[in-house]
Amino acid sequence: AAATARGRAPTAGHRPAPASLAEVPPAYVLQLALYRALLQPLYPGRTVKAALLFTEAPRLIELPASALDDALARLTGA
């Protein structure tokens, strides 16, 4: 199998980790928006936050509530 410069085999569909929220694929934001929508009723009176951890970078990108709300609104047409 071919190896990368770091000695690891490349994975199919591998993309570098986004550098910022603006580079996060919309599908990831929507997925976390859906998770948050499902979890919120389980934790009344609490704020459910979402973040993406890219282990290769390493980078943690917290998704603001407004980005999650917008993604869900686009899905539902609200």
PDB file of N, CA and C in Angstrom:
ATOM      1  N   ALA A   1       0.841  -1.184   0.000  1.00  0.00           N
ATOM      2  CA  ALA A   1       0.000   0.000   0.000  1.00  0.00           C
ATOM      3  C   ALA A   1       0.881   1.239   0.000  1.00  0.00           C
ATOM      4  N   ALA A   2       0.421   2.254  -0.681  1.00  0.00           N
ATOM      5  CA  ALA A   2       1.157   3.514  -0.729  1.00  0.00           C
ATOM      6  C   ALA A   2       1.106   4.180   0.635  1.00  0.00           C
ATOM      7  N   ALA A   3       2.140   4.913   0.955  1.00  0.00           N
ATOM      8  CA  ALA A   3       2.181   5.612   2.241  1.00  0.00           C
ATOM      9  C   ALA A   3       2.416   7.091   2.011  1.00  0.00           C
ATOM     10  N   THR A   4       1.937   7.881   2.922  1.00  0.00           N
ATOM     11  CA  THR A   4       2.149   9.323   2.850  1.00  0.00           C
ATOM     12  C   THR A   4       3.512   9.652   3.441  1.00  0.00           C
ATOM     13  N   ALA A   5       3.858  10.933   3.425  1.00  0.00           N
ATOM     14  CA  ALA A   5       5.135  11.373   3.983  1.00  0.00           C
ATOM     15  C   ALA A   5       5.245  11.034   5.468  1.00  0.00           C
ATOM     16  N   ARG A   6       4.132  10.940   6.153  1.00  0.00           N
ATOM     17  CA  ARG A   6       4.148  10.605   7.585  1.00  0.00           C
ATOM     18  C   ARG A   6       4.160   9.096   7.813  1.00  0.00           C
ATOM     19  N   GLY A   7       4.156   8.326   6.737  1.00  0.00           N
ATOM     20  CA  GLY A   7       4.208   6.887   6.873  1.00  0.00           C
ATOM     21  C   GLY A   7       2.866   6.217   7.026  1.00  0.00           C
ATOM     22  N   ARG A   8       1.785   6.960   6.878  1.00  0.00           N
ATOM     23  CA  ARG A   8       0.442   6.387   6.987  1.00  0.00           C
ATOM     24  C   ARG A   8      -0.126   6.161   5.597  1.00  0.00           C
ATOM     25  N   ALA A   9      -0.939   5.137   5.479  1.00  0.00           N
ATOM     26  CA  ALA A   9      -1.627   4.899   4.211  1.00  0.00           C
ATOM     27  C   ALA A   9      -2.693   5.965   4.021  1.00  0.00           C
ATOM     28  N   PRO A  10      -2.823   6.515   2.821  1.00  0.00           N
ATOM     29  CA  PRO A  10      -3.864   7.526   2.594  1.00  0.00           C
ATOM     30  C   PRO A  10      -5.246   6.902   2.687  1.00  0.00           C
ATOM     31  N   THR A  11      -6.212   7.681   3.137  1.00  0.00           N
ATOM     32  CA  THR A  11      -7.585   7.199   3.220  1.00  0.00           C
ATOM     33  C   THR A  11      -8.394   7.780   2.073  1.00  0.00           C
ATOM     34  N   ALA A  12      -9.361   7.030   1.621  1.00  0.00           N
ATOM     35  CA  ALA A  12     -10.217   7.490   0.519  1.00  0.00           C
ATOM     36  C   ALA A  12     -10.999   8.706   0.964  1.00  0.00           C
ATOM     37  N   GLY A  13     -11.039   9.724   0.129  1.00  0.00           N
ATOM     38  CA  GLY A  13     -11.815  10.909   0.430  1.00  0.00           C
ATOM     39  C   GLY A  13     -11.194  11.804   1.486  1.00  0.00           C
ATOM     40  N   HIS A  14      -9.939  11.590   1.800  1.00  0.00           N
ATOM     41  CA  HIS A  14      -9.282  12.393   2.840  1.00  0.00           C
ATOM     42  C   HIS A  14      -9.154  13.844   2.404  1.00  0.00           C
ATOM     43  N   ARG A  15      -9.558  14.732   3.291  1.00  0.00           N
ATOM     44  CA  ARG A  15      -9.406  16.171   3.073  1.00  0.00           C
ATOM     45  C   ARG A  15      -8.695  16.751   4.282  1.00  0.00           C
ATOM     46  N   PRO A  16      -7.924  17.802   4.093  1.00  0.00           N
ATOM     47  CA  PRO A  16      -7.297  18.420   5.264  1.00  0.00           C
ATOM     48  C   PRO A  16      -8.350  19.032   6.185  1.00  0.00           C
ATOM     49  N   ALA A  17      -8.012  19.122   7.449  1.00  0.00           N
ATOM     50  CA  ALA A  17      -8.929  19.713   8.433  1.00  0.00           C
ATOM     51  C   ALA A  17      -9.175  21.172   8.095  1.00  0.00           C
ATOM     52  N   PRO A  18     -10.409  21.636   8.249  1.00  0.00           N
ATOM     53  CA  PRO A  18     -10.692  23.051   8.006  1.00  0.00           C
ATOM     54  C   PRO A  18      -9.889  23.925   8.973  1.00  0.00           C
ATOM     55  N   ALA A  19      -9.483  25.083   8.490  1.00  0.00           N
ATOM     56  CA  ALA A  19      -8.714  26.011   9.323  1.00  0.00           C
ATOM     57  C   ALA A  19      -9.625  26.896  10.166  1.00  0.00           C
ATOM     58  N   SER A  20     -10.887  27.017   9.759  1.00  0.00           N
ATOM     59  CA  SER A  20     -11.813  27.905  10.465  1.00  0.00           C
ATOM     60  C   SER A  20     -13.241  27.419  10.261  1.00  0.00           C
ATOM     61  N   LEU A  21     -14.160  28.041  10.976  1.00  0.00           N
ATOM     62  CA  LEU A  21     -15.578  27.714  10.834  1.00  0.00           C
ATOM     63  C   LEU A  21     -16.047  27.897   9.397  1.00  0.00           C
ATOM     64  N   ALA A  22     -15.552  28.914   8.728  1.00  0.00           N
ATOM     65  CA  ALA A  22     -15.968  29.195   7.351  1.00  0.00           C
ATOM     66  C   ALA A  22     -15.625  28.054   6.398  1.00  0.00           C
ATOM     67  N   GLU A  23     -14.632  27.241   6.740  1.00  0.00           N
ATOM     68  CA  GLU A  23     -14.215  26.132   5.883  1.00  0.00           C
ATOM     69  C   GLU A  23     -14.881  24.801   6.237  1.00  0.00           C
ATOM     70  N   VAL A  24     -15.660  24.764   7.304  1.00  0.00           N
ATOM     71  CA  VAL A  24     -16.325  23.523   7.714  1.00  0.00           C
ATOM     72  C   VAL A  24     -17.409  23.199   6.690  1.00  0.00           C
ATOM     73  N   PRO A  25     -17.420  21.979   6.149  1.00  0.00           N
ATOM     74  CA  PRO A  25     -18.450  21.616   5.176  1.00  0.00           C
ATOM     75  C   PRO A  25     -19.859  21.781   5.764  1.00  0.00           C
ATOM     76  N   PRO A  26     -20.783  22.337   4.987  1.00  0.00           N
ATOM     77  CA  PRO A  26     -22.155  22.541   5.477  1.00  0.00           C
ATOM     78  C   PRO A  26     -22.809  21.262   5.998  1.00  0.00           C
ATOM     79  N   ALA A  27     -22.471  20.124   5.411  1.00  0.00           N
ATOM     80  CA  ALA A  27     -23.060  18.862   5.870  1.00  0.00           C
ATOM     81  C   ALA A  27     -22.670  18.565   7.315  1.00  0.00           C
ATOM     82  N   TYR A  28     -21.449  18.923   7.721  1.00  0.00           N
ATOM     83  CA  TYR A  28     -21.017  18.709   9.102  1.00  0.00           C
ATOM     84  C   TYR A  28     -21.813  19.603  10.047  1.00  0.00           C
ATOM     85  N   VAL A  29     -22.006  20.854   9.639  1.00  0.00           N
ATOM     86  CA  VAL A  29     -22.756  21.799  10.473  1.00  0.00           C
ATOM     87  C   VAL A  29     -24.192  21.310  10.631  1.00  0.00           C
ATOM     88  N   LEU A  30     -24.795  20.869   9.540  1.00  0.00           N
ATOM     89  CA  LEU A  30     -26.168  20.363   9.600  1.00  0.00           C
ATOM     90  C   LEU A  30     -26.261  19.132  10.489  1.00  0.00           C
ATOM     91  N   GLN A  31     -25.309  18.228  10.371  1.00  0.00           N
ATOM     92  CA  GLN A  31     -25.332  17.020  11.191  1.00  0.00           C
ATOM     93  C   GLN A  31     -25.306  17.382  12.676  1.00  0.00           C
ATOM     94  N   LEU A  32     -24.449  18.303  13.051  1.00  0.00           N
ATOM     95  CA  LEU A  32     -24.388  18.699  14.457  1.00  0.00           C
ATOM     96  C   LEU A  32     -25.619  19.488  14.877  1.00  0.00           C
ATOM     97  N   ALA A  33     -26.209  20.238  13.955  1.00  0.00           N
ATOM     98  CA  ALA A  33     -27.456  20.948  14.257  1.00  0.00           C
ATOM     99  C   ALA A  33     -28.568  19.948  14.572  1.00  0.00           C
ATOM    100  N   LEU A  34     -28.613  18.870  13.818  1.00  0.00           N
ATOM    101  CA  LEU A  34     -29.618  17.832  14.071  1.00  0.00           C
ATOM    102  C   LEU A  34     -29.367  17.140  15.410  1.00  0.00           C
ATOM    103  N   TYR A  35     -28.117  16.837  15.711  1.00  0.00           N
ATOM    104  CA  TYR A  35     -27.792  16.236  17.014  1.00  0.00           C
ATOM    105  C   TYR A  35     -28.236  17.155  18.148  1.00  0.00           C
ATOM    106  N   ARG A  36     -27.936  18.447  18.015  1.00  0.00           N
ATOM    107  CA  ARG A  36     -28.309  19.404  19.055  1.00  0.00           C
ATOM    108  C   ARG A  36     -29.825  19.450  19.215  1.00  0.00           C
ATOM    109  N   ALA A  37     -30.564  19.456  18.093  1.00  0.00           N
ATOM    110  CA  ALA A  37     -32.027  19.499  18.146  1.00  0.00           C
ATOM    111  C   ALA A  37     -32.588  18.266  18.859  1.00  0.00           C
ATOM    112  N   LEU A  38     -31.947  17.128  18.679  1.00  0.00           N
ATOM    113  CA  LEU A  38     -32.402  15.907  19.347  1.00  0.00           C
ATOM    114  C   LEU A  38     -32.040  15.890  20.830  1.00  0.00           C
ATOM    115  N   LEU A  39     -30.910  16.477  21.176  1.00  0.00           N
ATOM    116  CA  LEU A  39     -30.457  16.457  22.565  1.00  0.00           C
ATOM    117  C   LEU A  39     -31.104  17.523  23.440  1.00  0.00           C
ATOM    118  N   GLN A  40     -31.462  18.658  22.863  1.00  0.00           N
ATOM    119  CA  GLN A  40     -31.996  19.764  23.668  1.00  0.00           C
ATOM    120  C   GLN A  40     -33.173  19.363  24.552  1.00  0.00           C
ATOM    121  N   PRO A  41     -34.151  18.604  24.062  1.00  0.00           N
ATOM    122  CA  PRO A  41     -35.274  18.237  24.938  1.00  0.00           C
ATOM    123  C   PRO A  41     -34.858  17.359  26.125  1.00  0.00           C
ATOM    124  N   LEU A  42     -33.722  16.683  26.010  1.00  0.00           N
ATOM    125  CA  LEU A  42     -33.254  15.834  27.100  1.00  0.00           C
ATOM    126  C   LEU A  42     -32.605  16.629  28.228  1.00  0.00           C
ATOM    127  N   TYR A  43     -32.239  17.874  27.941  1.00  0.00           N
ATOM    128  CA  TYR A  43     -31.551  18.725  28.911  1.00  0.00           C
ATOM    129  C   TYR A  43     -32.236  20.080  29.016  1.00  0.00           C
ATOM    130  N   PRO A  44     -33.484  20.102  29.509  1.00  0.00           N
ATOM    131  CA  PRO A  44     -34.215  21.372  29.602  1.00  0.00           C
ATOM    132  C   PRO A  44     -33.481  22.364  30.508  1.00  0.00           C
ATOM    133  N   GLY A  45     -33.486  23.617  30.078  1.00  0.00           N
ATOM    134  CA  GLY A  45     -32.835  24.662  30.852  1.00  0.00           C
ATOM    135  C   GLY A  45     -31.323  24.697  30.720  1.00  0.00           C
ATOM    136  N   ARG A  46     -30.764  23.843  29.873  1.00  0.00           N
ATOM    137  CA  ARG A  46     -29.311  23.794  29.678  1.00  0.00           C
ATOM    138  C   ARG A  46     -28.995  24.138  28.234  1.00  0.00           C
ATOM    139  N   THR A  47     -27.810  24.647  28.008  1.00  0.00           N
ATOM    140  CA  THR A  47     -27.356  24.958  26.661  1.00  0.00           C
ATOM    141  C   THR A  47     -26.586  23.765  26.112  1.00  0.00           C
ATOM    142  N   VAL A  48     -26.966  23.301  24.933  1.00  0.00           N
ATOM    143  CA  VAL A  48     -26.249  22.217  24.265  1.00  0.00           C
ATOM    144  C   VAL A  48     -25.345  22.854  23.219  1.00  0.00           C
ATOM    145  N   LYS A  49     -24.044  22.653  23.378  1.00  0.00           N
ATOM    146  CA  LYS A  49     -23.069  23.207  22.441  1.00  0.00           C
ATOM    147  C   LYS A  49     -22.554  22.098  21.538  1.00  0.00           C
ATOM    148  N   ALA A  50     -21.992  22.498  20.401  1.00  0.00           N
ATOM    149  CA  ALA A  50     -21.453  21.525  19.455  1.00  0.00           C
ATOM    150  C   ALA A  50     -20.083  21.988  18.977  1.00  0.00           C
ATOM    151  N   ALA A  51     -19.197  21.019  18.780  1.00  0.00           N
ATOM    152  CA  ALA A  51     -17.861  21.322  18.275  1.00  0.00           C
ATOM    153  C   ALA A  51     -17.376  20.137  17.455  1.00  0.00           C
ATOM    154  N   LEU A  52     -16.475  20.417  16.549  1.00  0.00           N
ATOM    155  CA  LEU A  52     -15.842  19.388  15.734  1.00  0.00           C
ATOM    156  C   LEU A  52     -14.376  19.293  16.138  1.00  0.00           C
ATOM    157  N   LEU A  53     -13.904  18.075  16.364  1.00  0.00           N
ATOM    158  CA  LEU A  53     -12.505  17.852  16.698  1.00  0.00           C
ATOM    159  C   LEU A  53     -11.841  17.157  15.516  1.00  0.00           C
ATOM    160  N   PHE A  54     -10.865  17.822  14.945  1.00  0.00           N
ATOM    161  CA  PHE A  54     -10.089  17.253  13.848  1.00  0.00           C
ATOM    162  C   PHE A  54      -8.753  16.824  14.442  1.00  0.00           C
ATOM    163  N   THR A  55      -8.568  15.519  14.601  1.00  0.00           N
ATOM    164  CA  THR A  55      -7.410  15.005  15.327  1.00  0.00           C
ATOM    165  C   THR A  55      -6.108  15.147  14.556  1.00  0.00           C
ATOM    166  N   GLU A  56      -6.156  15.189  13.244  1.00  0.00           N
ATOM    167  CA  GLU A  56      -4.926  15.291  12.466  1.00  0.00           C
ATOM    168  C   GLU A  56      -4.277  16.659  12.621  1.00  0.00           C
ATOM    169  N   ALA A  57      -5.082  17.710  12.793  1.00  0.00           N
ATOM    170  CA  ALA A  57      -4.550  19.080  12.795  1.00  0.00           C
ATOM    171  C   ALA A  57      -3.663  19.396  14.001  1.00  0.00           C
ATOM    172  N   PRO A  58      -3.905  19.146  15.242  1.00  0.00           N
ATOM    173  CA  PRO A  58      -5.199  18.967  15.896  1.00  0.00           C
ATOM    174  C   PRO A  58      -5.922  20.312  16.019  1.00  0.00           C
ATOM    175  N   ARG A  59      -7.233  20.248  15.857  1.00  0.00           N
ATOM    176  CA  ARG A  59      -8.010  21.498  15.868  1.00  0.00           C
ATOM    177  C   ARG A  59      -9.416  21.209  16.388  1.00  0.00           C
ATOM    178  N   LEU A  60      -9.895  22.072  17.279  1.00  0.00           N
ATOM    179  CA  LEU A  60     -11.263  22.011  17.784  1.00  0.00           C
ATOM    180  C   LEU A  60     -11.978  23.256  17.291  1.00  0.00           C
ATOM    181  N   ILE A  61     -13.076  23.054  16.583  1.00  0.00           N
ATOM    182  CA  ILE A  61     -13.852  24.180  16.066  1.00  0.00           C
ATOM    183  C   ILE A  61     -15.234  24.125  16.700  1.00  0.00           C
ATOM    184  N   GLU A  62     -15.511  25.102  17.570  1.00  0.00           N
ATOM    185  CA  GLU A  62     -16.835  25.182  18.181  1.00  0.00           C
ATOM    186  C   GLU A  62     -17.783  25.837  17.188  1.00  0.00           C
ATOM    187  N   LEU A  63     -18.952  25.256  17.032  1.00  0.00           N
ATOM    188  CA  LEU A  63     -19.948  25.787  16.109  1.00  0.00           C
ATOM    189  C   LEU A  63     -20.899  26.681  16.891  1.00  0.00           C
ATOM    190  N   PRO A  64     -20.963  27.954  16.544  1.00  0.00           N
ATOM    191  CA  PRO A  64     -21.858  28.856  17.274  1.00  0.00           C
ATOM    192  C   PRO A  64     -23.322  28.471  17.067  1.00  0.00           C
ATOM    193  N   ALA A  65     -24.139  28.783  18.053  1.00  0.00           N
ATOM    194  CA  ALA A  65     -25.568  28.477  17.975  1.00  0.00           C
ATOM    195  C   ALA A  65     -26.183  29.057  16.708  1.00  0.00           C
ATOM    196  N   SER A  66     -25.743  30.238  16.300  1.00  0.00           N
ATOM    197  CA  SER A  66     -26.314  30.863  15.099  1.00  0.00           C
ATOM    198  C   SER A  66     -26.054  30.026  13.850  1.00  0.00           C
ATOM    199  N   ALA A  67     -24.881  29.406  13.747  1.00  0.00           N
ATOM    200  CA  ALA A  67     -24.578  28.557  12.587  1.00  0.00           C
ATOM    201  C   ALA A  67     -25.454  27.307  12.599  1.00  0.00           C
ATOM    202  N   LEU A  68     -25.665  26.745  13.781  1.00  0.00           N
ATOM    203  CA  LEU A  68     -26.518  25.561  13.899  1.00  0.00           C
ATOM    204  C   LEU A  68     -27.973  25.911  13.603  1.00  0.00           C
ATOM    205  N   ASP A  69     -28.433  27.043  14.133  1.00  0.00           N
ATOM    206  CA  ASP A  69     -29.806  27.493  13.883  1.00  0.00           C
ATOM    207  C   ASP A  69     -30.036  27.725  12.392  1.00  0.00           C
ATOM    208  N   ASP A  70     -29.076  28.369  11.729  1.00  0.00           N
ATOM    209  CA  ASP A  70     -29.203  28.649  10.293  1.00  0.00           C
ATOM    210  C   ASP A  70     -29.257  27.363   9.480  1.00  0.00           C
ATOM    211  N   ALA A  71     -28.422  26.392   9.831  1.00  0.00           N
ATOM    212  CA  ALA A  71     -28.404  25.120   9.102  1.00  0.00           C
ATOM    213  C   ALA A  71     -29.742  24.403   9.242  1.00  0.00           C
ATOM    214  N   LEU A  72     -30.288  24.401  10.443  1.00  0.00           N
ATOM    215  CA  LEU A  72     -31.573  23.744  10.677  1.00  0.00           C
ATOM    216  C   LEU A  72     -32.698  24.479   9.962  1.00  0.00           C
ATOM    217  N   ALA A  73     -32.646  25.799   9.943  1.00  0.00           N
ATOM    218  CA  ALA A  73     -33.668  26.593   9.251  1.00  0.00           C
ATOM    219  C   ALA A  73     -33.642  26.322   7.747  1.00  0.00           C
ATOM    220  N   ARG A  74     -32.443  26.169   7.180  1.00  0.00           N
ATOM    221  CA  ARG A  74     -32.354  25.856   5.744  1.00  0.00           C
ATOM    222  C   ARG A  74     -32.969  24.486   5.448  1.00  0.00           C
ATOM    223  N   LEU A  75     -32.762  23.544   6.354  1.00  0.00           N
ATOM    224  CA  LEU A  75     -33.307  22.202   6.158  1.00  0.00           C
ATOM    225  C   LEU A  75     -34.828  22.199   6.242  1.00  0.00           C
ATOM    226  N   THR A  76     -35.364  22.916   7.217  1.00  0.00           N
ATOM    227  CA  THR A  76     -36.808  22.882   7.458  1.00  0.00           C
ATOM    228  C   THR A  76     -37.569  23.943   6.685  1.00  0.00           C
ATOM    229  N   GLY A  77     -36.833  24.883   6.083  1.00  0.00           N
ATOM    230  CA  GLY A  77     -37.491  25.960   5.348  1.00  0.00           C
ATOM    231  C   GLY A  77     -38.110  26.996   6.261  1.00  0.00           C
ATOM    232  N   ALA A  78     -37.721  26.973   7.530  1.00  0.00           N
ATOM    233  CA  ALA A  78     -38.275  27.931   8.509  1.00  0.00           C
ATOM    234  C   ALA A  78     -37.561  29.264   8.449  1.00  0.00           C
TER     235      ALA A  78
END
